[in-house]
N, C-alpha and C. Protein backbone atom coordinates (compact mmCIF):
# COMPACT_ATOMS: atom_id res chain seq x y z
N MET A 1 10.95 -6.50 4.69
CA MET A 1 10.80 -5.62 5.80
C MET A 1 11.14 -4.26 5.05
N GLU A 2 10.12 -3.57 4.94
CA GLU A 2 10.90 -2.04 4.56
C GLU A 2 9.63 -0.89 4.94
N MET A 3 10.10 -0.09 4.49
CA MET A 3 8.61 1.28 4.78
C MET A 3 8.89 1.74 6.07
N GLY A 4 9.74 1.28 6.94
CA GLY A 4 9.62 1.96 8.48
C GLY A 4 8.69 1.25 9.25
N SER A 5 8.85 -0.21 9.04
CA SER A 5 7.81 -1.13 9.64
C SER A 5 8.80 -2.41 10.11
N ASP A 6 8.20 -2.81 11.38
CA ASP A 6 9.14 -4.16 11.67
C ASP A 6 8.91 -5.35 11.00
N LYS A 7 7.35 -5.18 10.71
CA LYS A 7 6.49 -6.19 9.72
C LYS A 7 7.23 -6.54 8.43
N ASN A 8 6.93 -7.56 8.20
CA ASN A 8 7.08 -7.71 6.30
C ASN A 8 5.82 -7.51 5.43
N ILE A 9 6.18 -6.79 4.51
CA ILE A 9 4.95 -6.55 3.42
C ILE A 9 4.45 -7.73 2.63
N GLU A 10 3.08 -8.29 2.92
CA GLU A 10 2.32 -9.03 2.09
C GLU A 10 2.04 -9.12 1.14
N THR A 11 1.70 -9.43 -0.20
CA THR A 11 1.33 -9.32 -1.08
C THR A 11 -0.30 -10.23 -1.26
N ILE A 12 -0.98 -9.50 -1.64
CA ILE A 12 -2.63 -9.86 -1.37
C ILE A 12 -2.78 -9.38 -2.82
N SER A 13 -4.46 -10.35 -3.13
CA SER A 13 -4.76 -10.41 -4.36
C SER A 13 -6.07 -9.38 -3.88
N PRO A 14 -6.17 -8.70 -5.64
CA PRO A 14 -6.78 -7.31 -5.22
C PRO A 14 -8.53 -8.27 -5.75
N GLU A 15 -9.21 -8.79 -4.70
CA GLU A 15 -10.58 -9.04 -5.02
C GLU A 15 -11.94 -8.37 -4.14
N GLY A 16 -12.83 -7.83 -4.71
CA GLY A 16 -13.80 -7.69 -4.21
C GLY A 16 -13.98 -6.21 -3.99
N GLU A 17 -14.15 -5.90 -2.82
CA GLU A 17 -13.90 -4.33 -2.16
C GLU A 17 -12.69 -4.81 -1.00
N ILE A 18 -11.93 -4.03 -0.97
CA ILE A 18 -10.66 -4.10 -0.47
C ILE A 18 -10.70 -2.81 1.01
N TYR A 19 -11.26 -3.06 2.11
CA TYR A 19 -11.57 -2.76 3.29
C TYR A 19 -11.10 -3.37 4.24
N THR A 20 -11.12 -4.45 4.31
CA THR A 20 -10.65 -5.30 5.52
C THR A 20 -9.22 -6.14 5.63
N CYS A 21 -8.40 -5.61 7.25
CA CYS A 21 -7.13 -6.19 7.15
C CYS A 21 -7.30 -7.62 7.13
N PRO A 22 -6.54 -8.12 6.48
CA PRO A 22 -6.10 -9.83 6.48
C PRO A 22 -5.75 -10.04 7.80
N ALA A 23 -5.06 -9.10 8.27
CA ALA A 23 -4.64 -9.51 9.43
C ALA A 23 -4.44 -9.24 10.66
N CYS A 24 -5.41 -8.37 10.98
CA CYS A 24 -6.22 -7.93 12.15
C CYS A 24 -7.43 -8.08 12.29
N GLY A 25 -8.47 -8.32 10.46
CA GLY A 25 -9.70 -7.88 10.73
C GLY A 25 -10.42 -6.68 11.11
N TYR A 26 -9.84 -5.79 10.88
CA TYR A 26 -10.29 -4.15 11.02
C TYR A 26 -10.64 -3.96 9.91
N LYS A 27 -11.73 -3.47 9.81
CA LYS A 27 -13.19 -3.35 8.51
C LYS A 27 -13.60 -1.51 8.34
N ASP A 28 -12.57 -0.84 8.54
CA ASP A 28 -12.72 0.56 8.04
C ASP A 28 -11.96 0.80 7.17
N GLY A 29 -11.19 0.57 6.46
CA GLY A 29 -9.91 0.51 5.72
C GLY A 29 -9.19 0.67 6.04
N PHE A 30 -8.34 1.47 4.87
CA PHE A 30 -6.43 1.67 4.76
C PHE A 30 -6.23 2.69 4.61
N HIS A 31 -4.90 3.10 5.61
CA HIS A 31 -4.24 4.46 4.76
C HIS A 31 -3.39 3.60 3.54
N VAL A 32 -2.84 4.81 2.79
CA VAL A 32 -2.35 4.70 1.69
C VAL A 32 -0.97 5.19 1.39
N SER A 33 0.28 4.11 0.43
CA SER A 33 1.61 5.08 0.77
C SER A 33 1.99 4.65 -0.49
N PHE A 34 2.81 5.54 -1.14
CA PHE A 34 3.25 4.96 -2.24
C PHE A 34 4.91 5.05 -2.55
N LYS A 35 5.53 4.00 -3.55
CA LYS A 35 7.11 4.17 -3.00
C LYS A 35 7.46 3.83 -4.54
N MET A 36 8.20 4.95 -4.50
CA MET A 36 8.70 5.50 -6.37
C MET A 36 9.33 4.24 -6.81
N ILE A 37 9.38 3.62 -7.76
CA ILE A 37 9.64 2.80 -8.67
C ILE A 37 11.21 3.45 -9.46
N PRO A 38 12.54 3.46 -8.86
CA PRO A 38 13.67 4.10 -9.31
C PRO A 38 13.62 4.21 -10.60
N GLY A 39 14.01 5.45 -10.99
CA GLY A 39 14.00 5.33 -12.76
C GLY A 39 12.85 5.89 -13.60
N THR A 40 12.10 5.55 -12.51
CA THR A 40 10.69 6.27 -13.75
C THR A 40 9.76 6.81 -12.85
N VAL A 41 8.45 7.50 -13.39
CA VAL A 41 7.60 8.27 -12.50
C VAL A 41 6.82 7.42 -12.07
N LYS A 42 6.88 6.00 -11.85
CA LYS A 42 5.54 5.16 -11.83
C LYS A 42 5.98 5.09 -9.95
N ALA A 43 4.96 4.90 -9.30
CA ALA A 43 5.16 4.61 -7.79
C ALA A 43 4.53 3.19 -7.61
N GLU A 44 4.86 2.04 -6.68
CA GLU A 44 3.54 0.99 -6.49
C GLU A 44 3.07 1.57 -5.07
N ILE A 45 1.79 1.10 -5.08
CA ILE A 45 0.81 1.37 -4.16
C ILE A 45 1.05 0.30 -2.87
N TYR A 46 0.83 1.04 -2.10
CA TYR A 46 0.78 0.25 -0.40
C TYR A 46 -0.44 0.36 0.17
N LEU A 47 -0.47 -0.63 0.76
CA LEU A 47 -1.94 -0.23 2.19
C LEU A 47 -1.32 -0.30 3.38
N ILE A 48 -1.88 0.13 4.56
CA ILE A 48 -1.53 -0.25 5.54
C ILE A 48 -2.56 -0.07 6.30
N CYS A 49 -2.49 -0.85 7.37
CA CYS A 49 -3.45 -0.95 8.47
C CYS A 49 -3.47 0.17 9.17
N PRO A 50 -4.86 0.75 9.49
CA PRO A 50 -4.57 1.59 10.72
C PRO A 50 -4.36 1.37 12.12
N ASN A 51 -5.16 -0.14 12.30
CA ASN A 51 -5.25 -0.63 13.60
C ASN A 51 -3.87 -1.11 14.02
N CYS A 52 -3.50 -2.15 13.08
CA CYS A 52 -2.19 -3.14 13.40
C CYS A 52 -0.91 -2.76 12.46
N HIS A 53 -1.05 -1.74 11.80
CA HIS A 53 0.16 -1.53 10.56
C HIS A 53 0.59 -2.20 9.69
N SER A 54 0.43 -3.37 9.51
CA SER A 54 0.69 -4.43 8.33
C SER A 54 0.41 -4.00 7.48
N ARG A 55 1.27 -3.83 6.29
CA ARG A 55 1.48 -3.07 4.99
C ARG A 55 0.90 -4.43 3.82
N PHE A 56 0.47 -4.01 2.80
CA PHE A 56 0.12 -4.70 1.66
C PHE A 56 0.60 -4.41 0.59
N ARG A 57 1.05 -5.03 -0.57
CA ARG A 57 1.01 -4.66 -1.74
C ARG A 57 -0.02 -5.63 -2.40
N LEU A 58 -0.39 -5.04 -3.29
CA LEU A 58 -1.37 -5.62 -4.47
C LEU A 58 -1.12 -5.58 -6.11
N GLY A 59 0.07 -5.11 -6.17
CA GLY A 59 0.58 -5.02 -7.45
C GLY A 59 0.24 -3.46 -8.21
N TRP A 60 -0.14 -2.89 -7.58
CA TRP A 60 -1.02 -1.34 -8.27
C TRP A 60 0.10 -0.79 -8.27
N GLN A 61 -0.04 -0.01 -9.54
CA GLN A 61 1.27 1.08 -9.82
C GLN A 61 0.14 2.10 -10.30
N VAL A 62 1.08 3.39 -10.03
CA VAL A 62 0.67 4.84 -10.17
C VAL A 62 1.53 5.64 -11.15
N SER A 63 1.51 6.36 -11.81
CA SER A 63 2.13 7.44 -12.62
C SER A 63 2.01 8.66 -12.30
N LEU A 64 3.40 8.97 -11.56
CA LEU A 64 3.15 10.42 -10.92
C LEU A 64 4.20 11.21 -11.76
N SER A 65 3.45 12.43 -11.96
CA SER A 65 4.22 13.21 -12.80
C SER A 65 4.27 14.56 -11.51
N PRO A 66 5.14 15.65 -12.01
CA PRO A 66 5.16 16.78 -10.95
C PRO A 66 3.92 17.39 -11.45
N THR A 67 3.60 18.38 -10.84
CA THR A 67 2.09 19.35 -11.55
C THR A 67 3.00 20.60 -11.45
N ASP A 68 2.61 21.87 -12.29
CA ASP A 68 3.02 22.85 -12.46
C ASP A 68 2.17 23.73 -11.09
N ALA A 69 2.93 24.58 -10.73
CA ALA A 69 2.66 25.42 -9.57
C ALA A 69 2.10 26.83 -10.26
C-alpha cells in the first residue's frame, strides 16, 4: 500500500496491449504515475485505473532529467 491509496500495488506482466484493468475490467486505459528511485534520475512507472483506482507496476523504468528553461 503506497502512493495515496488504500489498495496494495499489484505487479502484472506486460503482455500484448495493456488497456484493460485486471481488477475491475475497465477497458479504456490507465492513468500513469511516476515514483522516483532514490539517488537516481530514474522513476518507476505505475498504471492507475481511472475506474477502481487500483495501481499496477510492470517493472518499467524511465530516466528523467530536468529540462533547461
